[in-house]
Amino acid sequence: MKIYDIYLFQGLDESLIKEINEYTKLVEFKKGEPLFCGDELMHYFYIIVSGKMKTYQLNLDNAKEQTIFILKSGDMLDTITLLDAKPHDVVHEVLEDIQMLQIPIEKVREWIATDKTFNQKFFPYLALQMRSIEELATNMSLYNTSERLIKLLLQNLTPNNKQKHNLIHGLSHSELAKLIGTVRHVIERHLHQLKNEGILEINHKHLFIKNMQKLLEKL
């Protein structure tokens, strides 16, 4: 896949595309393989070409996890380290075999500082990430687990949400639980109830909304 197939690079000046090609390297990781064991994210910026990964926080005292992002093709990391040049205390895990573009982080900072068209792609993406974090904090504070699950389903199973559409397909119940700050058996209870009410169809690890109106009414 050529780098200009990635949304961030579409519409950029040809001279910048040539420079990006010069500095970009394609790297691959297998499912379950450790990511960024050293200080790679202090030196390189990554853009996902294919596959899926998650970024999460882990409490070592009680082993609880909170997923912050599920990242797929076109997503970038680590935007925080890119902007503040400081280590970011999160954990990354490959959920599906993944290919990523690896770019020296100083070159990306240079493009942000000098290229207007690059910024027109990068900063709207950064705003989406910020909105996602804001929504996660709001959901955890204001909604119960059943409501958080319904909001997750609506975000990920409706085609009009291009950023998150089908993002949770293939995830285990444990991974779904980590997205909304609960545990597997709670998710399974809520899913079973939605299925019995004819609202949701469950096929292995794939979920499908059968009755959108009834699901919306539950909020």
C-alpha atoms as a PDB file:
ATOM      1  CA  MET A   1       0.000   0.000   0.000  1.00  0.00           C
ATOM      2  CA  LYS A   2       1.375   3.388  -0.966  1.00  0.00           C
ATOM      3  CA  ILE A   3       1.361   5.983   1.754  1.00  0.00           C
ATOM      4  CA  TYR A   4      -0.913   8.338  -0.161  1.00  0.00           C
ATOM      5  CA  ASP A   5      -3.700   5.759   0.243  1.00  0.00           C
ATOM      6  CA  ILE A   6      -3.787   6.865   3.896  1.00  0.00           C
ATOM      7  CA  TYR A   7      -6.251   9.685   4.569  1.00  0.00           C
ATOM      8  CA  LEU A   8      -3.617  11.870   6.260  1.00  0.00           C
ATOM      9  CA  PHE A   9      -1.580  11.978   3.051  1.00  0.00           C
ATOM     10  CA  GLN A  10      -4.376  12.567   0.550  1.00  0.00           C
ATOM     11  CA  GLY A  11      -4.219  15.946  -1.164  1.00  0.00           C
ATOM     12  CA  LEU A  12      -0.709  16.788   0.025  1.00  0.00           C
ATOM     13  CA  ASP A  13       1.792  18.541  -2.223  1.00  0.00           C
ATOM     14  CA  GLU A  14       3.773  16.153  -4.413  1.00  0.00           C
ATOM     15  CA  SER A  15       7.084  17.380  -3.002  1.00  0.00           C
ATOM     16  CA  LEU A  16       5.898  16.576   0.524  1.00  0.00           C
ATOM     17  CA  ILE A  17       4.637  13.157  -0.598  1.00  0.00           C
ATOM     18  CA  LYS A  18       8.101  12.464  -2.016  1.00  0.00           C
ATOM     19  CA  GLU A  19       9.718  13.468   1.277  1.00  0.00           C
ATOM     20  CA  ILE A  20       7.274  11.327   3.268  1.00  0.00           C
ATOM     21  CA  ASN A  21       8.083   8.340   1.038  1.00  0.00           C
ATOM     22  CA  GLU A  22      11.760   8.910   1.704  1.00  0.00           C
ATOM     23  CA  TYR A  23      11.390   8.830   5.503  1.00  0.00           C
ATOM     24  CA  THR A  24       8.618   6.246   5.919  1.00  0.00           C
ATOM     25  CA  LYS A  25       9.158   2.574   6.721  1.00  0.00           C
ATOM     26  CA  LEU A  26       6.504  -0.167   6.816  1.00  0.00           C
ATOM     27  CA  VAL A  27       6.638  -2.324   9.984  1.00  0.00           C
ATOM     28  CA  GLU A  28       4.535  -5.346  10.936  1.00  0.00           C
ATOM     29  CA  PHE A  29       3.467  -6.927  14.222  1.00  0.00           C
ATOM     30  CA  LYS A  30       1.575 -10.163  14.891  1.00  0.00           C
ATOM     31  CA  LYS A  31      -1.465 -10.511  17.154  1.00  0.00           C
ATOM     32  CA  GLY A  32      -0.374 -10.639  20.786  1.00  0.00           C
ATOM     33  CA  GLU A  33       3.153  -9.505  19.968  1.00  0.00           C
ATOM     34  CA  PRO A  34       4.618  -6.856  22.329  1.00  0.00           C
ATOM     35  CA  LEU A  35       4.594  -3.301  20.999  1.00  0.00           C
ATOM     36  CA  PHE A  36       7.040  -0.502  21.753  1.00  0.00           C
ATOM     37  CA  CYS A  37       8.954  -2.218  24.548  1.00  0.00           C
ATOM     38  CA  GLY A  38      11.565   0.544  24.567  1.00  0.00           C
ATOM     39  CA  ASP A  39      11.374   4.246  23.814  1.00  0.00           C
ATOM     40  CA  GLU A  40      10.307   3.882  20.162  1.00  0.00           C
ATOM     41  CA  LEU A  41       7.428   6.326  20.577  1.00  0.00           C
ATOM     42  CA  MET A  42       9.883   9.029  21.651  1.00  0.00           C
ATOM     43  CA  HIS A  43      11.632   8.681  18.294  1.00  0.00           C
ATOM     44  CA  TYR A  44       8.967   7.492  15.842  1.00  0.00           C
ATOM     45  CA  PHE A  45       5.390   8.310  14.906  1.00  0.00           C
ATOM     46  CA  TYR A  46       3.130   5.535  13.601  1.00  0.00           C
ATOM     47  CA  ILE A  47       0.137   5.384  11.270  1.00  0.00           C
ATOM     48  CA  ILE A  48      -1.842   2.151  10.976  1.00  0.00           C
ATOM     49  CA  VAL A  49      -2.194   0.742   7.452  1.00  0.00           C
ATOM     50  CA  SER A  50      -4.111  -2.434   8.319  1.00  0.00           C
ATOM     51  CA  GLY A  51      -5.092  -4.462  11.368  1.00  0.00           C
ATOM     52  CA  LYS A  52      -6.244  -3.385  14.800  1.00  0.00           C
ATOM     53  CA  MET A  53      -4.665  -2.535  18.165  1.00  0.00           C
ATOM     54  CA  LYS A  54      -5.686  -1.057  21.487  1.00  0.00           C
ATOM     55  CA  THR A  55      -4.241   1.557  23.821  1.00  0.00           C
ATOM     56  CA  TYR A  56      -5.055   1.082  27.494  1.00  0.00           C
ATOM     57  CA  GLN A  57      -4.183   1.885  31.085  1.00  0.00           C
ATOM     58  CA  LEU A  58      -3.449  -0.861  33.621  1.00  0.00           C
ATOM     59  CA  ASN A  59      -3.662  -0.768  37.424  1.00  0.00           C
ATOM     60  CA  LEU A  60      -0.955  -3.168  38.587  1.00  0.00           C
ATOM     61  CA  ASP A  61      -2.401  -3.361  42.097  1.00  0.00           C
ATOM     62  CA  ASN A  62      -5.744  -4.866  41.066  1.00  0.00           C
ATOM     63  CA  ALA A  63      -5.075  -5.850  37.402  1.00  0.00           C
ATOM     64  CA  LYS A  64      -7.956  -3.677  36.173  1.00  0.00           C
ATOM     65  CA  GLU A  65      -7.733  -2.369  32.620  1.00  0.00           C
ATOM     66  CA  GLN A  66      -9.389   0.585  30.918  1.00  0.00           C
ATOM     67  CA  THR A  67      -9.217   0.695  27.142  1.00  0.00           C
ATOM     68  CA  ILE A  68      -8.731   4.239  25.876  1.00  0.00           C
ATOM     69  CA  PHE A  69      -8.674   3.654  22.120  1.00  0.00           C
ATOM     70  CA  ILE A  70      -9.239   0.842  19.660  1.00  0.00           C
ATOM     71  CA  LEU A  71      -7.130   1.886  16.668  1.00  0.00           C
ATOM     72  CA  LYS A  72      -7.518   0.734  13.059  1.00  0.00           C
ATOM     73  CA  SER A  73      -6.417   1.672   9.538  1.00  0.00           C
ATOM     74  CA  GLY A  74      -5.704   5.407   9.275  1.00  0.00           C
ATOM     75  CA  ASP A  75      -5.294   5.933  13.028  1.00  0.00           C
ATOM     76  CA  MET A  76      -2.115   7.488  14.411  1.00  0.00           C
ATOM     77  CA  LEU A  77       0.021   7.171  17.524  1.00  0.00           C
ATOM     78  CA  ASP A  78       1.296   8.633  19.668  1.00  0.00           C
ATOM     79  CA  THR A  79      -0.179  12.091  19.116  1.00  0.00           C
ATOM     80  CA  ILE A  80       0.454  13.145  22.737  1.00  0.00           C
ATOM     81  CA  THR A  81       4.172  12.375  22.617  1.00  0.00           C
ATOM     82  CA  LEU A  82       4.319  14.000  19.186  1.00  0.00           C
ATOM     83  CA  LEU A  83       3.018  17.266  20.618  1.00  0.00           C
ATOM     84  CA  ASP A  84       4.678  17.466  24.040  1.00  0.00           C
ATOM     85  CA  ALA A  85       7.835  15.367  23.482  1.00  0.00           C
ATOM     86  CA  LYS A  86       7.262  13.525  26.773  1.00  0.00           C
ATOM     87  CA  PRO A  87       6.800   9.791  27.469  1.00  0.00           C
ATOM     88  CA  HIS A  88       3.165   8.650  27.485  1.00  0.00           C
ATOM     89  CA  ASP A  89       2.317   6.144  30.214  1.00  0.00           C
ATOM     90  CA  VAL A  90      -0.027   3.804  28.339  1.00  0.00           C
ATOM     91  CA  VAL A  91       0.144   0.211  27.125  1.00  0.00           C
ATOM     92  CA  HIS A  92      -0.373  -0.969  23.533  1.00  0.00           C
ATOM     93  CA  GLU A  93      -1.501  -4.411  22.363  1.00  0.00           C
ATOM     94  CA  VAL A  94      -2.027  -5.880  18.892  1.00  0.00           C
ATOM     95  CA  LEU A  95      -5.581  -7.261  18.512  1.00  0.00           C
ATOM     96  CA  GLU A  96      -5.204  -8.263  14.851  1.00  0.00           C
ATOM     97  CA  ASP A  97      -2.034  -8.651  12.772  1.00  0.00           C
ATOM     98  CA  ILE A  98      -1.044  -5.092  12.005  1.00  0.00           C
ATOM     99  CA  GLN A  99       0.974  -3.074   9.517  1.00  0.00           C
ATOM    100  CA  MET A 100       2.070   0.453  10.390  1.00  0.00           C
ATOM    101  CA  LEU A 101       4.006   3.262   8.788  1.00  0.00           C
ATOM    102  CA  GLN A 102       6.956   4.294  10.946  1.00  0.00           C
ATOM    103  CA  ILE A 103       8.110   7.907  10.544  1.00  0.00           C
ATOM    104  CA  PRO A 104      10.820   9.768  12.488  1.00  0.00           C
ATOM    105  CA  ILE A 105       8.878  11.893  14.937  1.00  0.00           C
ATOM    106  CA  GLU A 106      11.016  14.981  14.350  1.00  0.00           C
ATOM    107  CA  LYS A 107      10.073  14.932  10.664  1.00  0.00           C
ATOM    108  CA  VAL A 108       6.373  14.863  11.570  1.00  0.00           C
ATOM    109  CA  ARG A 109       6.909  17.833  13.905  1.00  0.00           C
ATOM    110  CA  GLU A 110       8.655  19.616  11.060  1.00  0.00           C
ATOM    111  CA  TRP A 111       5.714  19.008   8.696  1.00  0.00           C
ATOM    112  CA  ILE A 112       3.280  20.292  11.326  1.00  0.00           C
ATOM    113  CA  ALA A 113       5.372  23.450  11.693  1.00  0.00           C
ATOM    114  CA  THR A 114       5.820  24.120   7.975  1.00  0.00           C
ATOM    115  CA  ASP A 115       3.025  22.568   5.896  1.00  0.00           C
ATOM    116  CA  LYS A 116      -0.520  23.950   5.994  1.00  0.00           C
ATOM    117  CA  THR A 117      -2.084  21.075   4.041  1.00  0.00           C
ATOM    118  CA  PHE A 118      -0.563  18.532   6.440  1.00  0.00           C
ATOM    119  CA  ASN A 119      -2.097  20.424   9.364  1.00  0.00           C
ATOM    120  CA  GLN A 120      -5.501  20.454   7.674  1.00  0.00           C
ATOM    121  CA  LYS A 121      -5.469  16.643   7.897  1.00  0.00           C
ATOM    122  CA  PHE A 122      -3.693  16.177  11.212  1.00  0.00           C
ATOM    123  CA  PHE A 123      -5.500  18.566  13.546  1.00  0.00           C
ATOM    124  CA  PRO A 124      -9.087  17.419  12.736  1.00  0.00           C
ATOM    125  CA  TYR A 125      -7.919  13.881  13.566  1.00  0.00           C
ATOM    126  CA  LEU A 126      -6.432  15.135  16.836  1.00  0.00           C
ATOM    127  CA  ALA A 127      -9.758  16.818  17.633  1.00  0.00           C
ATOM    128  CA  LEU A 128     -11.566  13.488  17.089  1.00  0.00           C
ATOM    129  CA  GLN A 129      -9.254  11.831  19.601  1.00  0.00           C
ATOM    130  CA  MET A 130      -9.880  14.590  22.129  1.00  0.00           C
ATOM    131  CA  ARG A 131     -13.642  14.258  21.677  1.00  0.00           C
ATOM    132  CA  SER A 132     -13.352  10.505  22.183  1.00  0.00           C
ATOM    133  CA  ILE A 133     -11.501  10.975  25.486  1.00  0.00           C
ATOM    134  CA  GLU A 134     -14.065  13.551  26.610  1.00  0.00           C
ATOM    135  CA  GLU A 135     -16.892  11.152  25.764  1.00  0.00           C
ATOM    136  CA  LEU A 136     -15.206   8.306  27.660  1.00  0.00           C
ATOM    137  CA  ALA A 137     -14.866  10.459  30.782  1.00  0.00           C
ATOM    138  CA  THR A 138     -18.473  11.638  30.508  1.00  0.00           C
ATOM    139  CA  ASN A 139     -19.852   8.148  30.004  1.00  0.00           C
ATOM    140  CA  MET A 140     -17.946   6.763  32.983  1.00  0.00           C
ATOM    141  CA  SER A 141     -19.265   9.553  35.214  1.00  0.00           C
ATOM    142  CA  LEU A 142     -22.865   9.962  34.077  1.00  0.00           C
ATOM    143  CA  TYR A 143     -24.121   6.602  32.784  1.00  0.00           C
ATOM    144  CA  ASN A 144     -24.541   3.113  34.241  1.00  0.00           C
ATOM    145  CA  THR A 145     -23.003   0.058  32.583  1.00  0.00           C
ATOM    146  CA  SER A 146     -26.143  -0.811  30.604  1.00  0.00           C
ATOM    147  CA  GLU A 147     -26.325   2.709  29.161  1.00  0.00           C
ATOM    148  CA  ARG A 148     -22.592   2.750  28.433  1.00  0.00           C
ATOM    149  CA  LEU A 149     -22.934  -0.518  26.515  1.00  0.00           C
ATOM    150  CA  ILE A 150     -25.870   0.830  24.481  1.00  0.00           C
ATOM    151  CA  LYS A 151     -23.895   3.965  23.596  1.00  0.00           C
ATOM    152  CA  LEU A 152     -20.954   1.773  22.582  1.00  0.00           C
ATOM    153  CA  LEU A 153     -23.200  -0.308  20.320  1.00  0.00           C
ATOM    154  CA  LEU A 154     -24.750   2.771  18.717  1.00  0.00           C
ATOM    155  CA  GLN A 155     -21.341   4.300  18.059  1.00  0.00           C
ATOM    156  CA  ASN A 156     -19.818   1.173  16.557  1.00  0.00           C
ATOM    157  CA  LEU A 157     -22.668  -0.561  14.743  1.00  0.00           C
ATOM    158  CA  THR A 158     -24.207   2.330  12.816  1.00  0.00           C
ATOM    159  CA  PRO A 159     -22.690   3.082   9.376  1.00  0.00           C
ATOM    160  CA  ASN A 160     -22.929   6.875   9.745  1.00  0.00           C
ATOM    161  CA  ASN A 161     -20.128   6.853  12.334  1.00  0.00           C
ATOM    162  CA  LYS A 162     -17.189   6.323   9.977  1.00  0.00           C
ATOM    163  CA  GLN A 163     -14.590   6.733  12.710  1.00  0.00           C
ATOM    164  CA  LYS A 164     -15.899   3.839  14.818  1.00  0.00           C
ATOM    165  CA  HIS A 165     -18.105   1.777  12.459  1.00  0.00           C
ATOM    166  CA  ASN A 166     -17.464  -1.972  12.981  1.00  0.00           C
ATOM    167  CA  LEU A 167     -14.580  -1.196  15.327  1.00  0.00           C
ATOM    168  CA  ILE A 168     -15.798  -3.667  17.967  1.00  0.00           C
ATOM    169  CA  HIS A 169     -16.461  -6.538  15.542  1.00  0.00           C
ATOM    170  CA  GLY A 170     -14.384  -9.545  16.552  1.00  0.00           C
ATOM    171  CA  LEU A 171     -13.707  -8.341  20.088  1.00  0.00           C
ATOM    172  CA  SER A 172     -14.265 -10.713  23.005  1.00  0.00           C
ATOM    173  CA  HIS A 173     -16.703  -9.877  25.794  1.00  0.00           C
ATOM    174  CA  SER A 174     -13.712  -9.171  28.014  1.00  0.00           C
ATOM    175  CA  GLU A 175     -12.426  -6.580  25.548  1.00  0.00           C
ATOM    176  CA  LEU A 176     -15.880  -4.992  25.302  1.00  0.00           C
ATOM    177  CA  ALA A 177     -15.949  -4.755  29.089  1.00  0.00           C
ATOM    178  CA  LYS A 178     -12.614  -2.939  29.154  1.00  0.00           C
ATOM    179  CA  LEU A 179     -14.001  -0.336  26.754  1.00  0.00           C
ATOM    180  CA  ILE A 180     -16.737   0.729  29.179  1.00  0.00           C
ATOM    181  CA  GLY A 181     -15.052   0.140  32.526  1.00  0.00           C
ATOM    182  CA  THR A 182     -16.736  -3.048  33.693  1.00  0.00           C
ATOM    183  CA  VAL A 183     -16.152  -6.831  33.760  1.00  0.00           C
ATOM    184  CA  ARG A 184     -16.995  -9.664  31.385  1.00  0.00           C
ATOM    185  CA  HIS A 185     -19.959 -11.181  33.235  1.00  0.00           C
ATOM    186  CA  VAL A 186     -21.727  -7.801  33.405  1.00  0.00           C
ATOM    187  CA  ILE A 187     -21.344  -7.330  29.639  1.00  0.00           C
ATOM    188  CA  GLU A 188     -22.611 -10.860  29.007  1.00  0.00           C
ATOM    189  CA  ARG A 189     -25.690 -10.243  31.153  1.00  0.00           C
ATOM    190  CA  HIS A 190     -26.575  -7.036  29.302  1.00  0.00           C
ATOM    191  CA  LEU A 191     -25.956  -8.599  25.875  1.00  0.00           C
ATOM    192  CA  HIS A 192     -28.110 -11.598  26.773  1.00  0.00           C
ATOM    193  CA  GLN A 193     -30.936  -9.282  27.792  1.00  0.00           C
ATOM    194  CA  LEU A 194     -30.722  -7.271  24.558  1.00  0.00           C
ATOM    195  CA  LYS A 195     -30.731 -10.500  22.550  1.00  0.00           C
ATOM    196  CA  ASN A 196     -33.781 -11.863  24.398  1.00  0.00           C
ATOM    197  CA  GLU A 197     -35.631  -8.601  23.728  1.00  0.00           C
ATOM    198  CA  GLY A 198     -35.012  -8.966  19.998  1.00  0.00           C
ATOM    199  CA  ILE A 199     -32.844  -5.853  19.888  1.00  0.00           C
ATOM    200  CA  LEU A 200     -29.482  -7.447  19.188  1.00  0.00           C
ATOM    201  CA  GLU A 201     -28.226 -10.370  17.126  1.00  0.00           C
ATOM    202  CA  ILE A 202     -25.063 -12.074  18.326  1.00  0.00           C
ATOM    203  CA  ASN A 203     -23.074 -14.240  15.905  1.00  0.00           C
ATOM    204  CA  HIS A 204     -19.877 -15.453  17.529  1.00  0.00           C
ATOM    205  CA  LYS A 205     -17.918 -12.203  18.181  1.00  0.00           C
ATOM    206  CA  HIS A 206     -20.026 -10.120  15.802  1.00  0.00           C
ATOM    207  CA  LEU A 207     -22.951  -7.997  16.977  1.00  0.00           C
ATOM    208  CA  PHE A 208     -25.797  -6.644  14.839  1.00  0.00           C
ATOM    209  CA  ILE A 209     -28.570  -4.246  15.806  1.00  0.00           C
ATOM    210  CA  LYS A 210     -31.951  -5.744  14.855  1.00  0.00           C
ATOM    211  CA  ASN A 211     -34.235  -3.076  16.324  1.00  0.00           C
ATOM    212  CA  MET A 212     -32.657   0.370  16.390  1.00  0.00           C
ATOM    213  CA  GLN A 213     -35.761   2.102  17.745  1.00  0.00           C
ATOM    214  CA  LYS A 214     -36.013  -0.144  20.814  1.00  0.00           C
ATOM    215  CA  LEU A 215     -32.288   0.281  21.467  1.00  0.00           C
ATOM    216  CA  LEU A 216     -32.598   4.079  21.335  1.00  0.00           C
ATOM    217  CA  GLU A 217     -35.588   3.960  23.683  1.00  0.00           C
ATOM    218  CA  LYS A 218     -33.421   2.286  26.312  1.00  0.00           C
ATOM    219  CA  LEU A 219     -31.348   5.458  26.573  1.00  0.00           C
END
